[in-house]
C-alpha cells in the first residue's frame, strides 16, 4: 500500500470497522458467558472469559494502530 494520507485514512477506516466488529463479538461472547455461568457450565464460561481477554488485548493494539495511521 502506498504511503499516502489517503491510503492511511482508508486503512484506519478499515481497522475501525474491524474494531467495531470485534466489540460486537465481545458483547456476544459476554452474553453467552453469562448464560453458561448461570447454567452450571463454569468450565466453558472460563474458556469464554479467556477469549474475551484476548479480544480486549487485541482491541487495544488495533486502536493504537488506528491512532498512528490517523496521525500520519
PDB file of N, CA and C in Angstrom:
ATOM      1  N   UNK A   1       0.850  -1.175   0.000  1.00  0.00           N
ATOM      2  CA  UNK A   1       0.000   0.000   0.000  1.00  0.00           C
ATOM      3  C   UNK A   1       0.892   1.234   0.000  1.00  0.00           C
ATOM      4  N   UNK A   2       0.628   2.178  -0.832  1.00  0.00           N
ATOM      5  CA  UNK A   2       1.442   3.386  -0.882  1.00  0.00           C
ATOM      6  C   UNK A   2       1.352   4.165   0.429  1.00  0.00           C
ATOM      7  N   UNK A   3       2.423   4.870   0.748  1.00  0.00           N
ATOM      8  CA  UNK A   3       2.434   5.683   1.956  1.00  0.00           C
ATOM      9  C   UNK A   3       1.895   7.071   1.625  1.00  0.00           C
ATOM     10  N   UNK A   4       0.572   7.184   1.644  1.00  0.00           N
ATOM     11  CA  UNK A   4      -0.076   8.456   1.349  1.00  0.00           C
ATOM     12  C   UNK A   4      -1.173   8.698   2.375  1.00  0.00           C
ATOM     13  N   UNK A   5      -1.543   9.955   2.569  1.00  0.00           N
ATOM     14  CA  UNK A   5      -2.621  10.240   3.518  1.00  0.00           C
ATOM     15  C   UNK A   5      -3.912   9.498   3.186  1.00  0.00           C
ATOM     16  N   UNK A   6      -4.227   9.398   1.904  1.00  0.00           N
ATOM     17  CA  UNK A   6      -5.463   8.701   1.503  1.00  0.00           C
ATOM     18  C   UNK A   6      -5.394   7.218   1.870  1.00  0.00           C
ATOM     19  N   UNK A   7      -4.238   6.609   1.643  1.00  0.00           N
ATOM     20  CA  UNK A   7      -4.076   5.189   1.978  1.00  0.00           C
ATOM     21  C   UNK A   7      -4.155   4.989   3.487  1.00  0.00           C
ATOM     22  N   UNK A   8      -3.558   5.911   4.235  1.00  0.00           N
ATOM     23  CA  UNK A   8      -3.609   5.808   5.697  1.00  0.00           C
ATOM     24  C   UNK A   8      -5.035   5.944   6.205  1.00  0.00           C
ATOM     25  N   UNK A   9      -5.787   6.872   5.621  1.00  0.00           N
ATOM     26  CA  UNK A   9      -7.186   7.050   6.034  1.00  0.00           C
ATOM     27  C   UNK A   9      -7.991   5.794   5.706  1.00  0.00           C
ATOM     28  N   UNK A  10      -7.785   5.246   4.516  1.00  0.00           N
ATOM     29  CA  UNK A  10      -8.515   4.029   4.135  1.00  0.00           C
ATOM     30  C   UNK A  10      -8.181   2.873   5.063  1.00  0.00           C
ATOM     31  N   UNK A  11      -6.910   2.733   5.405  1.00  0.00           N
ATOM     32  CA  UNK A  11      -6.501   1.648   6.312  1.00  0.00           C
ATOM     33  C   UNK A  11      -7.087   1.871   7.704  1.00  0.00           C
ATOM     34  N   UNK A  12      -7.045   3.111   8.184  1.00  0.00           N
ATOM     35  CA  UNK A  12      -7.608   3.411   9.501  1.00  0.00           C
ATOM     36  C   UNK A  12      -9.116   3.168   9.517  1.00  0.00           C
ATOM     37  N   UNK A  13      -9.799   3.540   8.443  1.00  0.00           N
ATOM     38  CA  UNK A  13     -11.249   3.297   8.359  1.00  0.00           C
ATOM     39  C   UNK A  13     -11.563   1.804   8.384  1.00  0.00           C
ATOM     40  N   UNK A  14     -10.777   1.015   7.652  1.00  0.00           N
ATOM     41  CA  UNK A  14     -10.992  -0.436   7.629  1.00  0.00           C
ATOM     42  C   UNK A  14     -10.732  -1.037   9.007  1.00  0.00           C
ATOM     43  N   UNK A  15      -9.662  -0.597   9.657  1.00  0.00           N
ATOM     44  CA  UNK A  15      -9.366  -1.098  11.003  1.00  0.00           C
ATOM     45  C   UNK A  15     -10.456  -0.692  11.989  1.00  0.00           C
ATOM     46  N   UNK A  16     -11.011   0.493  11.817  1.00  0.00           N
ATOM     47  CA  UNK A  16     -12.088   0.941  12.698  1.00  0.00           C
ATOM     48  C   UNK A  16     -13.307   0.034  12.567  1.00  0.00           C
ATOM     49  N   UNK A  17     -13.648  -0.336  11.345  1.00  0.00           N
ATOM     50  CA  UNK A  17     -14.774  -1.258  11.140  1.00  0.00           C
ATOM     51  C   UNK A  17     -14.486  -2.617  11.777  1.00  0.00           C
ATOM     52  N   UNK A  18     -13.273  -3.096  11.615  1.00  0.00           N
ATOM     53  CA  UNK A  18     -12.897  -4.371  12.239  1.00  0.00           C
ATOM     54  C   UNK A  18     -12.972  -4.272  13.766  1.00  0.00           C
ATOM     55  N   UNK A  19     -12.556  -3.145  14.299  1.00  0.00           N
ATOM     56  CA  UNK A  19     -12.627  -2.942  15.745  1.00  0.00           C
ATOM     57  C   UNK A  19     -14.078  -2.947  16.226  1.00  0.00           C
ATOM     58  N   UNK A  20     -14.974  -2.302  15.456  1.00  0.00           N
ATOM     59  CA  UNK A  20     -16.399  -2.321  15.817  1.00  0.00           C
ATOM     60  C   UNK A  20     -16.926  -3.760  15.810  1.00  0.00           C
ATOM     61  N   UNK A  21     -16.523  -4.535  14.808  1.00  0.00           N
ATOM     62  CA  UNK A  21     -16.931  -5.941  14.754  1.00  0.00           C
ATOM     63  C   UNK A  21     -16.396  -6.698  15.958  1.00  0.00           C
ATOM     64  N   UNK A  22     -15.158  -6.416  16.327  1.00  0.00           N
ATOM     65  CA  UNK A  22     -14.551  -7.105  17.464  1.00  0.00           C
ATOM     66  C   UNK A  22     -15.316  -6.787  18.749  1.00  0.00           C
ATOM     67  N   UNK A  23     -15.738  -5.531  18.917  1.00  0.00           N
ATOM     68  CA  UNK A  23     -16.528  -5.169  20.090  1.00  0.00           C
ATOM     69  C   UNK A  23     -17.871  -5.894  20.098  1.00  0.00           C
ATOM     70  N   UNK A  24     -18.485  -6.019  18.931  1.00  0.00           N
ATOM     71  CA  UNK A  24     -19.768  -6.729  18.844  1.00  0.00           C
ATOM     72  C   UNK A  24     -19.591  -8.209  19.190  1.00  0.00           C
ATOM     73  N   UNK A  25     -18.538  -8.813  18.698  1.00  0.00           N
ATOM     74  CA  UNK A  25     -18.259 -10.214  19.016  1.00  0.00           C
ATOM     75  C   UNK A  25     -18.017 -10.360  20.516  1.00  0.00           C
ATOM     76  N   UNK A  26     -17.268  -9.424  21.080  1.00  0.00           N
ATOM     77  CA  UNK A  26     -17.019  -9.460  22.523  1.00  0.00           C
ATOM     78  C   UNK A  26     -18.310  -9.378  23.323  1.00  0.00           C
ATOM     79  N   UNK A  27     -19.218  -8.506  22.907  1.00  0.00           N
ATOM     80  CA  UNK A  27     -20.503  -8.379  23.603  1.00  0.00           C
ATOM     81  C   UNK A  27     -21.301  -9.671  23.519  1.00  0.00           C
ATOM     82  N   UNK A  28     -21.280 -10.308  22.363  1.00  0.00           N
ATOM     83  CA  UNK A  28     -21.995 -11.577  22.200  1.00  0.00           C
ATOM     84  C   UNK A  28     -21.379 -12.658  23.088  1.00  0.00           C
ATOM     85  N   UNK A  29     -20.057 -12.705  23.131  1.00  0.00           N
ATOM     86  CA  UNK A  29     -19.393 -13.705  23.979  1.00  0.00           C
ATOM     87  C   UNK A  29     -19.712 -13.444  25.452  1.00  0.00           C
ATOM     88  N   UNK A  30     -19.783 -12.180  25.836  1.00  0.00           N
ATOM     89  CA  UNK A  30     -20.156 -11.854  27.219  1.00  0.00           C
ATOM     90  C   UNK A  30     -21.534 -12.400  27.566  1.00  0.00           C
ATOM     91  N   UNK A  31     -22.491 -12.231  26.647  1.00  0.00           N
ATOM     92  CA  UNK A  31     -23.846 -12.736  26.894  1.00  0.00           C
ATOM     93  C   UNK A  31     -23.854 -14.256  27.023  1.00  0.00           C
ATOM     94  N   UNK A  32     -23.140 -14.934  26.141  1.00  0.00           N
ATOM     95  CA  UNK A  32     -23.074 -16.398  26.191  1.00  0.00           C
ATOM     96  C   UNK A  32     -22.367 -16.842  27.465  1.00  0.00           C
ATOM     97  N   UNK A  33     -21.319 -16.140  27.851  1.00  0.00           N
ATOM     98  CA  UNK A  33     -20.593 -16.472  29.077  1.00  0.00           C
ATOM     99  C   UNK A  33     -21.494 -16.358  30.291  1.00  0.00           C
ATOM    100  N   UNK A  34     -22.290 -15.301  30.340  1.00  0.00           N
ATOM    101  CA  UNK A  34     -23.233 -15.120  31.451  1.00  0.00           C
ATOM    102  C   UNK A  34     -24.219 -16.281  31.508  1.00  0.00           C
ATOM    103  N   UNK A  35     -24.749 -16.643  30.359  1.00  0.00           N
ATOM    104  CA  UNK A  35     -25.700 -17.750  30.310  1.00  0.00           C
ATOM    105  C   UNK A  35     -25.041 -19.055  30.755  1.00  0.00           C
ATOM    106  N   UNK A  36     -23.827 -19.297  30.277  1.00  0.00           N
ATOM    107  CA  UNK A  36     -23.110 -20.518  30.656  1.00  0.00           C
ATOM    108  C   UNK A  36     -22.880 -20.569  32.156  1.00  0.00           C
ATOM    109  N   UNK A  37     -22.462 -19.456  32.724  1.00  0.00           N
ATOM    110  CA  UNK A  37     -22.207 -19.408  34.171  1.00  0.00           C
ATOM    111  C   UNK A  37     -23.468 -19.677  34.970  1.00  0.00           C
ATOM    112  N   UNK A  38     -24.577 -19.105  34.514  1.00  0.00           N
ATOM    113  CA  UNK A  38     -25.844 -19.271  35.223  1.00  0.00           C
ATOM    114  C   UNK A  38     -26.416 -20.673  35.077  1.00  0.00           C
ATOM    115  N   UNK A  39     -25.934 -21.424  34.097  1.00  0.00           N
ATOM    116  CA  UNK A  39     -26.469 -22.759  33.848  1.00  0.00           C
ATOM    117  C   UNK A  39     -25.462 -23.863  34.151  1.00  0.00           C
ATOM    118  N   UNK A  40     -24.552 -23.577  35.046  1.00  0.00           N
ATOM    119  CA  UNK A  40     -23.662 -24.607  35.559  1.00  0.00           C
ATOM    120  C   UNK A  40     -22.529 -25.024  34.640  1.00  0.00           C
ATOM    121  N   UNK A  41     -22.211 -24.228  33.666  1.00  0.00           N
ATOM    122  CA  UNK A  41     -21.118 -24.559  32.745  1.00  0.00           C
ATOM    123  C   UNK A  41     -19.919 -23.650  33.008  1.00  0.00           C
ATOM    124  N   UNK A  42     -19.470 -23.656  34.251  1.00  0.00           N
ATOM    125  CA  UNK A  42     -18.394 -22.769  34.662  1.00  0.00           C
ATOM    126  C   UNK A  42     -17.099 -22.977  33.910  1.00  0.00           C
ATOM    127  N   UNK A  43     -16.795 -24.214  33.557  1.00  0.00           N
ATOM    128  CA  UNK A  43     -15.552 -24.511  32.848  1.00  0.00           C
ATOM    129  C   UNK A  43     -15.568 -23.879  31.449  1.00  0.00           C
ATOM    130  N   UNK A  44     -16.686 -24.043  30.763  1.00  0.00           N
ATOM    131  CA  UNK A  44     -16.816 -23.461  29.431  1.00  0.00           C
ATOM    132  C   UNK A  44     -16.827 -21.934  29.538  1.00  0.00           C
ATOM    133  N   UNK A  45     -17.474 -21.413  30.556  1.00  0.00           N
ATOM    134  CA  UNK A  45     -17.515 -19.966  30.765  1.00  0.00           C
ATOM    135  C   UNK A  45     -16.109 -19.423  30.987  1.00  0.00           C
ATOM    136  N   UNK A  46     -15.277 -20.160  31.695  1.00  0.00           N
ATOM    137  CA  UNK A  46     -13.896 -19.735  31.924  1.00  0.00           C
ATOM    138  C   UNK A  46     -13.131 -19.631  30.608  1.00  0.00           C
ATOM    139  N   UNK A  47     -13.360 -20.568  29.714  1.00  0.00           N
ATOM    140  CA  UNK A  47     -12.723 -20.509  28.397  1.00  0.00           C
ATOM    141  C   UNK A  47     -13.198 -19.287  27.614  1.00  0.00           C
ATOM    142  N   UNK A  48     -14.478 -18.977  27.731  1.00  0.00           N
ATOM    143  CA  UNK A  48     -15.019 -17.807  27.042  1.00  0.00           C
ATOM    144  C   UNK A  48     -14.422 -16.522  27.611  1.00  0.00           C
ATOM    145  N   UNK A  49     -14.205 -16.494  28.910  1.00  0.00           N
ATOM    146  CA  UNK A  49     -13.585 -15.323  29.533  1.00  0.00           C
ATOM    147  C   UNK A  49     -12.169 -15.140  29.015  1.00  0.00           C
ATOM    148  N   UNK A  50     -11.443 -16.233  28.822  1.00  0.00           N
ATOM    149  CA  UNK A  50     -10.088 -16.151  28.260  1.00  0.00           C
ATOM    150  C   UNK A  50     -10.140 -15.573  26.844  1.00  0.00           C
ATOM    151  N   UNK A  51     -11.148 -15.958  26.070  1.00  0.00           N
ATOM    152  CA  UNK A  51     -11.300 -15.410  24.722  1.00  0.00           C
ATOM    153  C   UNK A  51     -11.589 -13.910  24.779  1.00  0.00           C
ATOM    154  N   UNK A  52     -12.395 -13.487  25.742  1.00  0.00           N
ATOM    155  CA  UNK A  52     -12.684 -12.064  25.903  1.00  0.00           C
ATOM    156  C   UNK A  52     -11.418 -11.278  26.241  1.00  0.00           C
ATOM    157  N   UNK A  53     -10.577 -11.847  27.074  1.00  0.00           N
ATOM    158  CA  UNK A  53      -9.321 -11.179  27.433  1.00  0.00           C
ATOM    159  C   UNK A  53      -8.445 -10.985  26.196  1.00  0.00           C
ATOM    160  N   UNK A  54      -8.423 -11.984  25.324  1.00  0.00           N
ATOM    161  CA  UNK A  54      -7.655 -11.864  24.081  1.00  0.00           C
ATOM    162  C   UNK A  54      -8.241 -10.776  23.200  1.00  0.00           C
ATOM    163  N   UNK A  55      -9.569 -10.735  23.082  1.00  0.00           N
ATOM    164  CA  UNK A  55     -10.220  -9.680  22.291  1.00  0.00           C
ATOM    165  C   UNK A  55      -9.867  -8.300  22.839  1.00  0.00           C
ATOM    166  N   UNK A  56      -9.899  -8.161  24.163  1.00  0.00           N
ATOM    167  CA  UNK A  56      -9.575  -6.869  24.773  1.00  0.00           C
ATOM    168  C   UNK A  56      -8.139  -6.457  24.475  1.00  0.00           C
ATOM    169  N   UNK A  57      -7.216  -7.398  24.610  1.00  0.00           N
ATOM    170  CA  UNK A  57      -5.817  -7.101  24.358  1.00  0.00           C
ATOM    171  C   UNK A  57      -5.608  -6.683  22.899  1.00  0.00           C
ATOM    172  N   UNK A  58      -6.206  -7.420  21.990  1.00  0.00           N
ATOM    173  CA  UNK A  58      -6.057  -7.103  20.572  1.00  0.00           C
ATOM    174  C   UNK A  58      -6.778  -5.814  20.199  1.00  0.00           C
ATOM    175  N   UNK A  59      -7.876  -5.520  20.861  1.00  0.00           N
ATOM    176  CA  UNK A  59      -8.598  -4.280  20.588  1.00  0.00           C
ATOM    177  C   UNK A  59      -7.712  -3.076  20.894  1.00  0.00           C
ATOM    178  N   UNK A  60      -6.945  -3.163  21.953  1.00  0.00           N
ATOM    179  CA  UNK A  60      -6.053  -2.047  22.286  1.00  0.00           C
ATOM    180  C   UNK A  60      -4.985  -1.871  21.219  1.00  0.00           C
ATOM    181  N   UNK A  61      -4.427  -2.968  20.739  1.00  0.00           N
ATOM    182  CA  UNK A  61      -3.412  -2.887  19.685  1.00  0.00           C
ATOM    183  C   UNK A  61      -4.003  -2.311  18.396  1.00  0.00           C
ATOM    184  N   UNK A  62      -5.220  -2.700  18.064  1.00  0.00           N
ATOM    185  CA  UNK A  62      -5.885  -2.167  16.871  1.00  0.00           C
ATOM    186  C   UNK A  62      -6.133  -0.668  17.043  1.00  0.00           C
ATOM    187  N   UNK A  63      -6.599  -0.280  18.219  1.00  0.00           N
ATOM    188  CA  UNK A  63      -6.844   1.135  18.493  1.00  0.00           C
ATOM    189  C   UNK A  63      -5.560   1.944  18.351  1.00  0.00           C
ATOM    190  N   UNK A  64      -4.462   1.432  18.886  1.00  0.00           N
ATOM    191  CA  UNK A  64      -3.175   2.118  18.769  1.00  0.00           C
ATOM    192  C   UNK A  64      -2.769   2.271  17.303  1.00  0.00           C
ATOM    193  N   UNK A  65      -2.992   1.242  16.515  1.00  0.00           N
ATOM    194  CA  UNK A  65      -2.655   1.296  15.087  1.00  0.00           C
ATOM    195  C   UNK A  65      -3.505   2.330  14.361  1.00  0.00           C
ATOM    196  N   UNK A  66      -4.777   2.368  14.686  1.00  0.00           N
ATOM    197  CA  UNK A  66      -5.675   3.352  14.074  1.00  0.00           C
ATOM    198  C   UNK A  66      -5.188   4.760  14.388  1.00  0.00           C
ATOM    199  N   UNK A  67      -4.833   4.992  15.639  1.00  0.00           N
ATOM    200  CA  UNK A  67      -4.377   6.322  16.034  1.00  0.00           C
ATOM    201  C   UNK A  67      -3.083   6.712  15.315  1.00  0.00           C
ATOM    202  N   UNK A  68      -2.161   5.762  15.155  1.00  0.00           N
ATOM    203  CA  UNK A  68      -0.918   6.055  14.434  1.00  0.00           C
ATOM    204  C   UNK A  68      -1.223   6.403  12.968  1.00  0.00           C
ATOM    205  N   UNK A  69      -2.090   5.628  12.339  1.00  0.00           N
ATOM    206  CA  UNK A  69      -2.431   5.916  10.946  1.00  0.00           C
ATOM    207  C   UNK A  69      -3.095   7.270  10.777  1.00  0.00           C
ATOM    208  N   UNK A  70      -3.953   7.627  11.698  1.00  0.00           N
ATOM    209  CA  UNK A  70      -4.666   8.898  11.590  1.00  0.00           C
ATOM    210  C   UNK A  70      -3.756  10.089  11.865  1.00  0.00           C
ATOM    211  N   UNK A  71      -2.627   9.864  12.543  1.00  0.00           N
ATOM    212  CA  UNK A  71      -1.697  10.954  12.818  1.00  0.00           C
ATOM    213  C   UNK A  71      -0.718  11.189  11.684  1.00  0.00           C
ATOM    214  N   UNK A  72      -0.625  10.232  10.747  1.00  0.00           N
ATOM    215  CA  UNK A  72       0.330  10.387   9.651  1.00  0.00           C
ATOM    216  C   UNK A  72      -0.181  11.350   8.599  1.00  0.00           C
TER     217      UNK A  72
END
